[in-house]
Amino acid sequence: MYTEELYLETPRLFLREMTPEDAPFILELNRDPEVIKYVGENPLKDLSEAESVLYMRILPQYRRYGMGRLLVELKSTGEGIGWCGIKWDADKDCYDLGYRFFKKYWGQGYASESAKAVLDWGHQTRKLETIVGKADVLNTGSVHVLEKLGMKFHGFSDECHGKTAVYHSVSS
């Protein structure tokens, strides 16, 4: 069981472990149908659902695997703008890179900046050999981020929430 807190920093961002107090942030981020359009989830309805996401999916990753989705904050304001991180996907037997940001922050390089920091941490600190990224083929912004990170295209699959997805990976 891991106890080391995850904390990363980039020129513009802080990335940190989420806590139970971040449930309102999770609720707000996952309420926007545009933000979750390609991830196969329904918008969250209330704080109870956000707390469930935290306690059932996010927080256990930190304890079990020493990694997970990290809350991304602007250094300049401390405002939470999204999340980014690597999680262990037991169903697919792989380490999965993911990111999600409020729409008003799309197209400003925050996904690429935070994902690069997370990938570097995964390879250098955790010594992960291969990290996978997948995105709905229609989510061109997310696919572009995977390509910008130097992840290599490995093909198409319908394993991404029942939709056709592109799979990329990067090895150390």
C-alpha atoms as a PDB file:
ATOM      1  CA  MET A   1       0.000   0.000   0.000  1.00  0.00           C
ATOM      2  CA  TYR A   2       1.344   3.415  -0.983  1.00  0.00           C
ATOM      3  CA  THR A   3       1.374   6.424   1.302  1.00  0.00           C
ATOM      4  CA  GLU A   4       3.604   8.828  -0.650  1.00  0.00           C
ATOM      5  CA  GLU A   5       1.571  11.837  -1.791  1.00  0.00           C
ATOM      6  CA  LEU A   6       1.613  12.595  -5.475  1.00  0.00           C
ATOM      7  CA  TYR A   7       2.521  16.156  -6.378  1.00  0.00           C
ATOM      8  CA  LEU A   8       3.904  17.454  -9.672  1.00  0.00           C
ATOM      9  CA  GLU A   9       4.669  20.929 -10.934  1.00  0.00           C
ATOM     10  CA  THR A  10       5.038  22.409 -14.425  1.00  0.00           C
ATOM     11  CA  PRO A  11       5.777  25.993 -15.485  1.00  0.00           C
ATOM     12  CA  ARG A  12       2.071  26.923 -15.286  1.00  0.00           C
ATOM     13  CA  LEU A  13       0.461  24.157 -13.248  1.00  0.00           C
ATOM     14  CA  PHE A  14       0.323  22.268  -9.969  1.00  0.00           C
ATOM     15  CA  LEU A  15      -0.876  18.637 -10.074  1.00  0.00           C
ATOM     16  CA  ARG A  16      -1.902  17.025  -6.800  1.00  0.00           C
ATOM     17  CA  GLU A  17      -3.791  14.094  -5.349  1.00  0.00           C
ATOM     18  CA  MET A  18      -7.478  14.683  -4.979  1.00  0.00           C
ATOM     19  CA  THR A  19      -9.085  14.601  -1.551  1.00  0.00           C
ATOM     20  CA  PRO A  20     -12.676  14.113  -0.372  1.00  0.00           C
ATOM     21  CA  GLU A  21     -12.948  17.909  -0.276  1.00  0.00           C
ATOM     22  CA  ASP A  22     -12.626  17.927  -4.087  1.00  0.00           C
ATOM     23  CA  ALA A  23     -16.082  16.394  -4.582  1.00  0.00           C
ATOM     24  CA  PRO A  24     -17.633  19.760  -5.627  1.00  0.00           C
ATOM     25  CA  PHE A  25     -14.882  20.122  -8.255  1.00  0.00           C
ATOM     26  CA  ILE A  26     -15.583  16.612  -9.609  1.00  0.00           C
ATOM     27  CA  LEU A  27     -19.301  17.384  -9.713  1.00  0.00           C
ATOM     28  CA  GLU A  28     -18.823  20.623 -11.656  1.00  0.00           C
ATOM     29  CA  LEU A  29     -16.343  19.109 -14.135  1.00  0.00           C
ATOM     30  CA  ASN A  30     -18.526  16.087 -14.821  1.00  0.00           C
ATOM     31  CA  ARG A  31     -21.778  18.023 -15.139  1.00  0.00           C
ATOM     32  CA  ASP A  32     -20.859  19.566 -18.479  1.00  0.00           C
ATOM     33  CA  PRO A  33     -22.101  17.309 -21.316  1.00  0.00           C
ATOM     34  CA  GLU A  34     -19.395  18.728 -23.630  1.00  0.00           C
ATOM     35  CA  VAL A  35     -16.619  17.752 -21.214  1.00  0.00           C
ATOM     36  CA  ILE A  36     -17.812  14.148 -20.943  1.00  0.00           C
ATOM     37  CA  LYS A  37     -19.120  13.808 -24.503  1.00  0.00           C
ATOM     38  CA  TYR A  38     -16.531  11.223 -25.554  1.00  0.00           C
ATOM     39  CA  VAL A  39     -15.990   9.297 -22.310  1.00  0.00           C
ATOM     40  CA  GLY A  40     -19.132   7.195 -22.128  1.00  0.00           C
ATOM     41  CA  GLU A  41     -20.366   8.643 -18.849  1.00  0.00           C
ATOM     42  CA  ASN A  42     -23.547  10.450 -17.915  1.00  0.00           C
ATOM     43  CA  PRO A  43     -23.323  13.887 -16.305  1.00  0.00           C
ATOM     44  CA  LEU A  44     -23.136  13.711 -12.531  1.00  0.00           C
ATOM     45  CA  LYS A  45     -26.357  14.807 -10.857  1.00  0.00           C
ATOM     46  CA  ASP A  46     -25.329  15.705  -7.339  1.00  0.00           C
ATOM     47  CA  LEU A  47     -22.581  15.814  -4.735  1.00  0.00           C
ATOM     48  CA  SER A  48     -23.319  12.255  -3.637  1.00  0.00           C
ATOM     49  CA  GLU A  49     -22.471  10.942  -7.127  1.00  0.00           C
ATOM     50  CA  ALA A  50     -19.249  13.000  -7.158  1.00  0.00           C
ATOM     51  CA  GLU A  51     -18.263  11.578  -3.774  1.00  0.00           C
ATOM     52  CA  SER A  52     -18.909   8.090  -5.105  1.00  0.00           C
ATOM     53  CA  VAL A  53     -16.575   8.741  -8.049  1.00  0.00           C
ATOM     54  CA  LEU A  54     -13.884   9.904  -5.644  1.00  0.00           C
ATOM     55  CA  TYR A  55     -14.256   7.042  -3.147  1.00  0.00           C
ATOM     56  CA  MET A  56     -14.822   4.231  -5.646  1.00  0.00           C
ATOM     57  CA  ARG A  57     -12.563   5.173  -8.567  1.00  0.00           C
ATOM     58  CA  ILE A  58     -10.053   7.928  -7.813  1.00  0.00           C
ATOM     59  CA  LEU A  59      -8.843   7.597  -4.212  1.00  0.00           C
ATOM     60  CA  PRO A  60      -8.323   3.792  -4.315  1.00  0.00           C
ATOM     61  CA  GLN A  61      -5.826   4.202  -7.184  1.00  0.00           C
ATOM     62  CA  TYR A  62      -3.538   6.262  -4.936  1.00  0.00           C
ATOM     63  CA  ARG A  63      -3.594   3.705  -2.141  1.00  0.00           C
ATOM     64  CA  ARG A  64      -3.349   0.571  -4.283  1.00  0.00           C
ATOM     65  CA  TYR A  65      -1.018   1.677  -7.074  1.00  0.00           C
ATOM     66  CA  GLY A  66       0.663   4.892  -5.941  1.00  0.00           C
ATOM     67  CA  MET A  67      -0.753   6.795  -8.902  1.00  0.00           C
ATOM     68  CA  GLY A  68      -3.994   8.072 -10.293  1.00  0.00           C
ATOM     69  CA  ARG A  69      -5.839  11.066 -11.653  1.00  0.00           C
ATOM     70  CA  LEU A  70      -4.412  14.318 -10.253  1.00  0.00           C
ATOM     71  CA  LEU A  71      -6.250  17.593  -9.858  1.00  0.00           C
ATOM     72  CA  VAL A  72      -4.681  20.258 -12.106  1.00  0.00           C
ATOM     73  CA  GLU A  73      -4.520  23.794 -10.729  1.00  0.00           C
ATOM     74  CA  LEU A  74      -3.295  27.021 -12.283  1.00  0.00           C
ATOM     75  CA  LYS A  75      -0.217  28.303 -10.451  1.00  0.00           C
ATOM     76  CA  SER A  76      -1.302  31.871 -11.039  1.00  0.00           C
ATOM     77  CA  THR A  77      -4.691  31.564  -9.283  1.00  0.00           C
ATOM     78  CA  GLY A  78      -4.886  28.156  -7.586  1.00  0.00           C
ATOM     79  CA  GLU A  79      -8.039  27.464  -9.597  1.00  0.00           C
ATOM     80  CA  GLY A  80      -8.782  23.810 -10.432  1.00  0.00           C
ATOM     81  CA  ILE A  81      -9.026  23.496 -14.213  1.00  0.00           C
ATOM     82  CA  GLY A  82      -9.212  19.729 -14.716  1.00  0.00           C
ATOM     83  CA  TRP A  83      -7.442  16.487 -13.966  1.00  0.00           C
ATOM     84  CA  CYS A  84      -4.652  14.449 -15.520  1.00  0.00           C
ATOM     85  CA  GLY A  85      -2.912  11.274 -14.486  1.00  0.00           C
ATOM     86  CA  ILE A  86      -1.973   7.664 -14.953  1.00  0.00           C
ATOM     87  CA  LYS A  87      -4.125   4.900 -13.507  1.00  0.00           C
ATOM     88  CA  TRP A  88      -3.804   1.140 -13.509  1.00  0.00           C
ATOM     89  CA  ASP A  89      -6.506  -0.414 -15.703  1.00  0.00           C
ATOM     90  CA  ALA A  90      -6.841  -3.990 -14.459  1.00  0.00           C
ATOM     91  CA  ASP A  91      -9.379  -4.882 -17.179  1.00  0.00           C
ATOM     92  CA  LYS A  92      -6.920  -3.963 -19.927  1.00  0.00           C
ATOM     93  CA  ASP A  93      -3.763  -4.889 -17.965  1.00  0.00           C
ATOM     94  CA  CYS A  94      -2.107  -1.528 -18.683  1.00  0.00           C
ATOM     95  CA  TYR A  95      -1.214   1.866 -17.303  1.00  0.00           C
ATOM     96  CA  ASP A  96      -3.625   4.396 -18.783  1.00  0.00           C
ATOM     97  CA  LEU A  97      -2.997   8.107 -19.308  1.00  0.00           C
ATOM     98  CA  GLY A  98      -6.103  10.263 -19.015  1.00  0.00           C
ATOM     99  CA  TYR A  99      -7.025  13.933 -18.797  1.00  0.00           C
ATOM    100  CA  ARG A 100     -10.167  16.010 -18.572  1.00  0.00           C
ATOM    101  CA  PHE A 101     -10.462  19.802 -18.419  1.00  0.00           C
ATOM    102  CA  PHE A 102     -13.173  22.415 -18.156  1.00  0.00           C
ATOM    103  CA  LYS A 103     -14.118  23.543 -21.651  1.00  0.00           C
ATOM    104  CA  LYS A 104     -12.943  27.131 -21.119  1.00  0.00           C
ATOM    105  CA  TYR A 105      -9.381  25.763 -20.771  1.00  0.00           C
ATOM    106  CA  TRP A 106      -9.352  23.688 -23.968  1.00  0.00           C
ATOM    107  CA  GLY A 107      -6.852  24.650 -26.652  1.00  0.00           C
ATOM    108  CA  GLN A 108      -4.427  26.382 -24.274  1.00  0.00           C
ATOM    109  CA  GLY A 109      -1.894  23.559 -23.960  1.00  0.00           C
ATOM    110  CA  TYR A 110      -2.813  22.543 -20.408  1.00  0.00           C
ATOM    111  CA  ALA A 111      -3.602  18.928 -21.331  1.00  0.00           C
ATOM    112  CA  SER A 112      -0.278  18.538 -23.137  1.00  0.00           C
ATOM    113  CA  GLU A 113       1.688  20.278 -20.382  1.00  0.00           C
ATOM    114  CA  SER A 114       0.184  18.239 -17.556  1.00  0.00           C
ATOM    115  CA  ALA A 115       0.260  14.957 -19.508  1.00  0.00           C
ATOM    116  CA  LYS A 116       3.948  15.403 -20.344  1.00  0.00           C
ATOM    117  CA  ALA A 117       4.723  15.908 -16.647  1.00  0.00           C
ATOM    118  CA  VAL A 118       2.701  12.825 -15.751  1.00  0.00           C
ATOM    119  CA  LEU A 119       4.360  10.678 -18.441  1.00  0.00           C
ATOM    120  CA  ASP A 120       7.838  11.828 -17.372  1.00  0.00           C
ATOM    121  CA  TRP A 121       6.969  10.988 -13.750  1.00  0.00           C
ATOM    122  CA  GLY A 122       5.607   7.579 -14.773  1.00  0.00           C
ATOM    123  CA  HIS A 123       8.724   6.657 -16.721  1.00  0.00           C
ATOM    124  CA  GLN A 124      11.377   8.219 -14.482  1.00  0.00           C
ATOM    125  CA  THR A 125       9.977   7.811 -10.962  1.00  0.00           C
ATOM    126  CA  ARG A 126       7.733   4.767 -11.255  1.00  0.00           C
ATOM    127  CA  LYS A 127       9.822   3.085 -13.989  1.00  0.00           C
ATOM    128  CA  LEU A 128       6.728   2.232 -16.032  1.00  0.00           C
ATOM    129  CA  GLU A 129       7.810   0.761 -19.326  1.00  0.00           C
ATOM    130  CA  THR A 130       4.664   1.377 -21.380  1.00  0.00           C
ATOM    131  CA  ILE A 131       1.821   3.836 -20.872  1.00  0.00           C
ATOM    132  CA  VAL A 132      -1.299   3.724 -23.048  1.00  0.00           C
ATOM    133  CA  GLY A 133      -3.563   6.568 -24.119  1.00  0.00           C
ATOM    134  CA  LYS A 134      -6.898   6.074 -25.836  1.00  0.00           C
ATOM    135  CA  ALA A 135      -9.397   8.520 -27.239  1.00  0.00           C
ATOM    136  CA  ASP A 136     -12.640   8.421 -29.174  1.00  0.00           C
ATOM    137  CA  VAL A 137     -11.748   8.924 -32.850  1.00  0.00           C
ATOM    138  CA  LEU A 138     -14.147  11.870 -32.994  1.00  0.00           C
ATOM    139  CA  ASN A 139     -12.339  13.610 -30.141  1.00  0.00           C
ATOM    140  CA  THR A 140      -9.729  15.228 -32.365  1.00  0.00           C
ATOM    141  CA  GLY A 141      -8.403  17.481 -29.592  1.00  0.00           C
ATOM    142  CA  SER A 142      -7.593  14.540 -27.360  1.00  0.00           C
ATOM    143  CA  VAL A 143      -6.088  12.537 -30.224  1.00  0.00           C
ATOM    144  CA  HIS A 144      -3.892  15.557 -31.053  1.00  0.00           C
ATOM    145  CA  VAL A 145      -2.636  15.673 -27.450  1.00  0.00           C
ATOM    146  CA  LEU A 146      -1.621  11.984 -27.604  1.00  0.00           C
ATOM    147  CA  GLU A 147       0.258  12.609 -30.848  1.00  0.00           C
ATOM    148  CA  LYS A 148       1.899  15.780 -29.520  1.00  0.00           C
ATOM    149  CA  LEU A 149       3.202  13.770 -26.564  1.00  0.00           C
ATOM    150  CA  GLY A 150       5.027  11.441 -28.958  1.00  0.00           C
ATOM    151  CA  MET A 151       2.740   8.498 -28.302  1.00  0.00           C
ATOM    152  CA  LYS A 152       2.680   6.007 -31.169  1.00  0.00           C
ATOM    153  CA  PHE A 153      -0.521   4.993 -32.904  1.00  0.00           C
ATOM    154  CA  HIS A 154      -1.354   1.294 -32.420  1.00  0.00           C
ATOM    155  CA  GLY A 155      -4.720   0.973 -34.085  1.00  0.00           C
ATOM    156  CA  PHE A 156      -8.436   1.237 -33.615  1.00  0.00           C
ATOM    157  CA  SER A 157     -10.665  -0.548 -31.152  1.00  0.00           C
ATOM    158  CA  ASP A 158     -14.257  -0.493 -29.966  1.00  0.00           C
ATOM    159  CA  GLU A 159     -13.159  -1.011 -26.361  1.00  0.00           C
ATOM    160  CA  CYS A 160     -13.440   2.678 -25.436  1.00  0.00           C
ATOM    161  CA  HIS A 161     -16.886   2.885 -23.856  1.00  0.00           C
ATOM    162  CA  GLY A 162     -18.361   0.982 -26.798  1.00  0.00           C
ATOM    163  CA  LYS A 163     -17.133   3.571 -29.293  1.00  0.00           C
ATOM    164  CA  THR A 164     -14.385   3.386 -31.861  1.00  0.00           C
ATOM    165  CA  ALA A 165     -11.181   4.606 -30.270  1.00  0.00           C
ATOM    166  CA  VAL A 166      -7.605   5.140 -31.300  1.00  0.00           C
ATOM    167  CA  TYR A 167      -4.934   3.567 -29.115  1.00  0.00           C
ATOM    168  CA  HIS A 168      -1.521   5.131 -28.645  1.00  0.00           C
ATOM    169  CA  SER A 169       1.333   4.187 -26.358  1.00  0.00           C
ATOM    170  CA  VAL A 170       4.731   5.423 -25.320  1.00  0.00           C
ATOM    171  CA  SER A 171       7.571   3.378 -23.894  1.00  0.00           C
ATOM    172  CA  SER A 172      10.513   4.521 -21.828  1.00  0.00           C
END
